[in-house]
Amino acid sequence: MIEVTRLNGKAFTLNALYIETVEAFPDTQITLTTGRKFIVLETEEQVRQKVKTFYQQVQVLSNPHLRGEEDEE
């Protein structure tokens, strides 16, 4: 889960595994695989970093093939 902030300043948590896209219009819009959309105060880069940190914490990126490494030693 990642914590993000609505435009009204209220923070909420979002399951990062369901994020399909993050776009800036200039407000940052997060679209989930379910089709729900959220507009947040964080920048696109901040959301991307939070998702990356979350994936590392749950070890989604621990598989060398998911990281893009060809040979596992």
Protein backbone atom coordinates (compact mmCIF):
# COMPACT_ATOMS: atom_id res chain seq x y z
CA MET A 1 0.00 0.00 0.00
CA ILE A 2 1.12 3.54 -0.69
CA GLU A 3 -0.09 6.73 0.92
CA VAL A 4 -1.17 9.56 -1.39
CA THR A 5 -3.06 12.81 -0.85
CA ARG A 6 -6.34 13.93 -2.41
CA LEU A 7 -6.58 17.49 -3.73
CA ASN A 8 -8.48 18.47 -0.57
CA GLY A 9 -5.41 17.52 1.52
CA LYS A 10 -6.81 14.29 2.94
CA ALA A 11 -4.36 11.37 2.83
CA PHE A 12 -5.46 7.85 1.90
CA THR A 13 -3.79 4.53 1.14
CA LEU A 14 -3.95 2.80 -2.20
CA ASN A 15 -2.99 -0.75 -3.14
CA ALA A 16 -0.10 -0.17 -5.55
CA LEU A 17 -0.59 -3.59 -7.15
CA TYR A 18 -3.77 -2.30 -8.81
CA ILE A 19 -2.19 0.79 -10.40
CA GLU A 20 -2.37 0.62 -14.17
CA THR A 21 -1.26 4.15 -15.14
CA VAL A 22 0.00 7.35 -13.54
CA GLU A 23 -0.35 10.50 -15.64
CA ALA A 24 0.04 14.24 -15.15
CA PHE A 25 -2.57 16.55 -16.75
CA PRO A 26 -1.02 18.72 -14.90
CA ASP A 27 -2.67 17.18 -11.80
CA THR A 28 -1.51 13.64 -11.20
CA GLN A 29 -4.13 11.04 -12.09
CA ILE A 30 -3.81 7.43 -10.95
CA THR A 31 -5.88 4.88 -12.86
CA LEU A 32 -6.43 1.46 -11.33
CA THR A 33 -6.95 -1.81 -13.19
CA THR A 34 -10.58 -1.60 -12.07
CA GLY A 35 -11.03 1.66 -14.01
CA ARG A 36 -11.28 3.87 -10.91
CA LYS A 37 -9.37 7.12 -11.14
CA PHE A 38 -7.84 9.24 -8.39
CA ILE A 39 -6.42 12.76 -8.63
CA VAL A 40 -3.62 13.30 -6.11
CA LEU A 41 -1.32 16.12 -4.99
CA GLU A 42 1.87 14.06 -5.42
CA THR A 43 3.77 14.39 -8.68
CA GLU A 44 3.98 11.55 -11.17
CA GLU A 45 7.61 10.96 -10.13
CA GLN A 46 6.69 10.87 -6.41
CA VAL A 47 3.98 8.27 -7.07
CA ARG A 48 6.41 6.25 -9.20
CA GLN A 49 8.98 6.29 -6.37
CA LYS A 50 6.37 5.25 -3.78
CA VAL A 51 5.30 2.34 -5.99
CA LYS A 52 8.91 1.27 -6.52
CA THR A 53 9.59 1.37 -2.76
CA PHE A 54 6.41 -0.64 -2.10
CA TYR A 55 7.41 -3.28 -4.69
CA GLN A 56 10.85 -3.56 -3.07
CA GLN A 57 9.31 -3.95 0.39
CA VAL A 58 7.05 -6.80 -0.72
CA GLN A 59 9.91 -8.21 -2.82
CA VAL A 60 8.05 -8.07 -6.12
CA LEU A 61 11.32 -6.88 -7.66
CA SER A 62 13.41 -9.63 -6.02
CA ASN A 63 13.09 -11.92 -9.06
CA PRO A 64 16.01 -11.19 -11.43
CA HIS A 65 13.81 -11.85 -14.48
CA LEU A 66 11.34 -9.16 -13.33
CA ARG A 67 14.25 -6.73 -12.89
CA GLY A 68 15.29 -7.34 -16.50
CA GLU A 69 18.40 -9.38 -15.70
CA GLU A 70 18.95 -12.23 -18.13
CA ASP A 71 21.28 -14.49 -16.15
CA GLU A 72 20.64 -15.49 -12.56
CA GLU A 73 23.91 -16.36 -10.86
